[in-house]
């Protein structure tokens, strides 16, 4: 469902259209597209986005799935308010922001998920274990890692949880940037994107 700031039905909102706060992570547009593809959204998807940061994923999914429900989990009050402002900016009405730390706050979420996106959280293995208990059968978890340690922790969690159809992608994105009178390609920091399914 298009908004005034993004009147298109395709995902991929440019990063600079989002309100930002210094030091608060933002999923770059190209990474966002990969994440959304791995989520394999359904029209009535219930998505938990844990470590929602600037709120780019909740906004994009909210626009793509106007009949779905998105819960954006963020522990910092100022950042949670940033997510709310970005949802208002893009006229997204189906996102509920939950202020709290995962996994402790997950019992406050009012609907069990069929999709979970984990973009943050230091106790990643604890979060994944807790999420798995709430995840509906045939649900999908998509998690990102920026380091080898994070990649290992998520991979180990999927193995322990007996996830099926595991996929791992590493992004390799370059953007054309203008510096002075010249143009050159600049790499976007590579991210590992892991996904797995909970089967009966």
Protein backbone atom coordinates (compact mmCIF):
# COMPACT_ATOMS: atom_id res chain seq x y z
CA UNK A 1 0.00 0.00 0.00
CA UNK A 2 1.83 3.13 -1.21
CA UNK A 3 2.40 6.24 0.90
CA UNK A 4 3.09 9.85 0.02
CA UNK A 5 6.84 9.41 0.60
CA UNK A 6 7.00 6.08 -1.27
CA UNK A 7 4.18 5.86 -3.85
CA UNK A 8 5.34 2.50 -5.25
CA UNK A 9 4.28 -1.08 -4.59
CA UNK A 10 7.85 -2.37 -4.80
CA UNK A 11 10.13 -2.52 -1.75
CA UNK A 12 13.48 -0.74 -1.66
CA UNK A 13 12.89 2.65 -0.05
CA UNK A 14 16.08 4.76 -0.33
CA UNK A 15 17.94 5.05 2.97
CA UNK A 16 17.83 8.85 3.01
CA UNK A 17 14.01 8.90 3.11
CA UNK A 18 14.05 7.49 6.65
CA UNK A 19 14.50 9.66 9.71
CA UNK A 20 17.67 8.59 11.50
CA UNK A 21 19.50 9.02 14.78
CA UNK A 22 23.31 9.09 15.11
CA UNK A 23 24.73 5.67 15.93
CA UNK A 24 21.45 3.79 15.39
CA UNK A 25 21.79 1.04 12.79
CA UNK A 26 19.86 1.14 9.55
CA UNK A 27 19.51 -1.87 7.25
CA UNK A 28 20.80 -0.62 3.91
CA UNK A 29 18.31 -0.76 1.05
CA UNK A 30 20.00 -3.64 -0.81
CA UNK A 31 20.35 -5.70 2.38
CA UNK A 32 16.70 -4.99 3.18
CA UNK A 33 15.64 -6.39 -0.18
CA UNK A 34 17.56 -9.62 0.51
CA UNK A 35 16.05 -9.87 4.00
CA UNK A 36 12.52 -9.38 2.71
CA UNK A 37 13.08 -11.98 0.00
CA UNK A 38 14.27 -14.49 2.61
CA UNK A 39 11.25 -13.80 4.85
CA UNK A 40 8.89 -15.08 2.12
CA UNK A 41 6.04 -12.95 3.34
CA UNK A 42 2.38 -13.90 3.17
CA UNK A 43 -0.56 -11.45 2.89
CA UNK A 44 -1.53 -11.95 6.56
CA UNK A 45 1.99 -12.46 7.92
CA UNK A 46 2.64 -11.87 11.61
CA UNK A 47 6.24 -10.65 11.75
CA UNK A 48 8.39 -10.11 14.82
CA UNK A 49 11.33 -7.81 14.05
CA UNK A 50 13.77 -8.09 16.94
CA UNK A 51 16.34 -5.31 17.17
CA UNK A 52 14.31 -3.13 14.82
CA UNK A 53 16.72 -0.17 14.94
CA UNK A 54 15.56 2.62 12.64
CA UNK A 55 12.44 0.67 11.65
CA UNK A 56 13.21 0.10 7.97
CA UNK A 57 12.02 -3.53 7.93
CA UNK A 58 8.74 -2.84 9.79
CA UNK A 59 8.00 0.04 7.41
CA UNK A 60 8.76 -1.95 4.26
CA UNK A 61 6.83 -5.03 5.44
CA UNK A 62 3.96 -2.88 6.70
CA UNK A 63 3.61 -1.38 3.21
CA UNK A 64 3.93 -4.75 1.47
CA UNK A 65 1.50 -6.56 3.80
CA UNK A 66 -1.22 -4.10 4.85
CA UNK A 67 -3.28 -7.02 6.21
CA UNK A 68 -0.35 -8.35 8.23
CA UNK A 69 0.78 -7.49 11.76
CA UNK A 70 4.31 -6.37 12.55
CA UNK A 71 5.81 -6.20 16.03
CA UNK A 72 8.99 -4.13 16.22
CA UNK A 73 11.02 -4.95 19.35
CA UNK A 74 13.48 -2.30 20.51
CA UNK A 75 14.90 -1.87 23.99
CA UNK A 76 15.77 1.86 23.84
CA UNK A 77 12.89 4.31 24.30
CA UNK A 78 14.38 6.97 22.03
CA UNK A 79 14.94 4.42 19.25
CA UNK A 80 11.44 2.98 19.74
CA UNK A 81 10.06 6.49 19.21
CA UNK A 82 12.18 6.79 16.05
CA UNK A 83 10.49 3.65 14.69
CA UNK A 84 7.09 5.16 15.46
CA UNK A 85 8.03 8.38 13.64
CA UNK A 86 9.20 6.45 10.57
CA UNK A 87 5.97 4.45 10.56
CA UNK A 88 4.00 7.71 10.73
CA UNK A 89 6.17 9.19 7.97
CA UNK A 90 5.25 6.36 5.60
CA UNK A 91 1.64 6.11 6.86
CA UNK A 92 2.12 2.54 8.10
CA UNK A 93 -0.66 1.61 10.53
CA UNK A 94 -0.03 -2.08 11.23
CA UNK A 95 3.21 -1.87 13.24
CA UNK A 96 3.22 -2.15 17.02
CA UNK A 97 6.43 -1.06 18.72
CA UNK A 98 7.39 -3.06 21.81
CA UNK A 99 9.86 -1.39 24.16
CA UNK A 100 11.89 -4.06 25.90
CA UNK A 101 14.85 -6.41 25.74
CA UNK A 102 14.57 -9.74 24.00
CA UNK A 103 14.10 -12.48 24.93
CA UNK A 104 12.50 -11.28 28.21
CA UNK A 105 9.86 -9.07 26.56
CA UNK A 106 8.67 -11.59 23.97
CA UNK A 107 5.79 -12.80 26.16
CA UNK A 108 4.28 -9.29 25.77
CA UNK A 109 3.74 -9.75 22.03
CA UNK A 110 0.06 -10.38 21.37
CA UNK A 111 0.27 -12.72 18.36
CA UNK A 112 2.45 -15.73 17.60
CA UNK A 113 4.69 -15.13 14.57
CA UNK A 114 4.97 -17.02 11.32
CA UNK A 115 7.98 -14.88 10.38
CA UNK A 116 10.77 -13.55 12.61
CA UNK A 117 13.59 -11.20 11.64
CA UNK A 118 16.47 -10.91 14.10
CA UNK A 119 18.77 -7.98 13.36
CA UNK A 120 20.25 -7.43 16.78
CA UNK A 121 20.51 -8.68 20.30
CA UNK A 122 23.65 -9.71 22.08
CA UNK A 123 22.32 -12.99 23.50
CA UNK A 124 21.51 -14.20 19.96
CA UNK A 125 21.33 -17.88 20.92
CA UNK A 126 18.97 -17.17 23.82
CA UNK A 127 16.80 -15.03 21.54
CA UNK A 128 16.62 -17.71 18.85
CA UNK A 129 15.76 -20.41 21.37
CA UNK A 130 12.96 -18.27 22.84
CA UNK A 131 11.64 -17.25 19.41
CA UNK A 132 11.49 -20.88 18.33
CA UNK A 133 9.03 -21.68 21.12
CA UNK A 134 6.61 -18.99 19.88
CA UNK A 135 7.12 -19.59 16.14
CA UNK A 136 4.18 -21.23 14.39
CA UNK A 137 4.70 -24.50 12.47
CA UNK A 138 6.15 -23.84 8.99
CA UNK A 139 7.34 -20.46 10.25
CA UNK A 140 10.62 -18.89 9.13
CA UNK A 141 13.39 -17.15 11.05
CA UNK A 142 15.79 -14.83 9.24
CA UNK A 143 18.81 -13.56 11.18
CA UNK A 144 21.75 -11.36 10.23
CA UNK A 145 25.38 -11.52 11.28
CA UNK A 146 28.12 -8.99 10.62
CA UNK A 147 30.93 -11.11 12.08
CA UNK A 148 32.24 -14.65 11.91
CA UNK A 149 31.31 -15.12 15.57
CA UNK A 150 27.72 -14.07 14.87
CA UNK A 151 27.56 -16.37 11.85
CA UNK A 152 28.75 -19.29 13.97
CA UNK A 153 26.31 -18.55 16.82
CA UNK A 154 23.30 -18.38 14.49
CA UNK A 155 24.38 -21.49 12.56
CA UNK A 156 24.82 -23.40 15.81
CA UNK A 157 21.39 -22.27 17.01
CA UNK A 158 19.69 -23.45 13.82
CA UNK A 159 21.41 -26.82 14.20
CA UNK A 160 20.35 -27.17 17.86
CA UNK A 161 16.77 -26.17 17.02
CA UNK A 162 16.68 -28.69 14.15
CA UNK A 163 15.69 -26.00 11.66
CA UNK A 164 15.05 -27.16 8.11
CA UNK A 165 15.73 -25.64 4.68
CA UNK A 166 18.60 -23.55 6.04
CA UNK A 167 20.03 -20.97 3.66
CA UNK A 168 23.02 -18.68 4.08
CA UNK A 169 23.67 -15.64 1.89
CA UNK A 170 26.52 -13.17 2.11
CA UNK A 171 25.78 -9.81 0.52
CA UNK A 172 28.26 -8.15 -1.83
CA UNK A 173 26.88 -4.75 -2.81
CA UNK A 174 28.63 -1.74 -4.31
CA UNK A 175 27.10 1.69 -4.78
CA UNK A 176 28.13 4.41 -7.17
CA UNK A 177 29.09 7.53 -5.20
CA UNK A 178 30.15 10.98 -6.33
CA UNK A 179 33.14 12.52 -4.58
CA UNK A 180 34.07 15.93 -5.90
CA UNK A 181 34.24 15.65 -9.68
CA UNK A 182 34.73 11.87 -9.83
CA UNK A 183 32.47 8.87 -9.40
CA UNK A 184 33.55 5.59 -7.88
CA UNK A 185 32.01 2.44 -6.43
CA UNK A 186 31.92 2.04 -2.66
CA UNK A 187 31.24 -1.27 -0.96
CA UNK A 188 28.35 -1.66 1.48
CA UNK A 189 29.53 -3.63 4.51
CA UNK A 190 28.89 -7.32 3.80
CA UNK A 191 26.27 -9.06 5.95
CA UNK A 192 25.49 -12.74 6.39
CA UNK A 193 21.76 -13.50 6.12
CA UNK A 194 20.70 -16.87 7.49
CA UNK A 195 17.23 -18.37 7.29
CA UNK A 196 15.61 -21.56 8.52
CA UNK A 197 12.16 -23.08 8.87
CA UNK A 198 10.32 -24.78 11.70
CA UNK A 199 8.66 -27.88 10.31
CA UNK A 200 6.25 -30.24 12.11
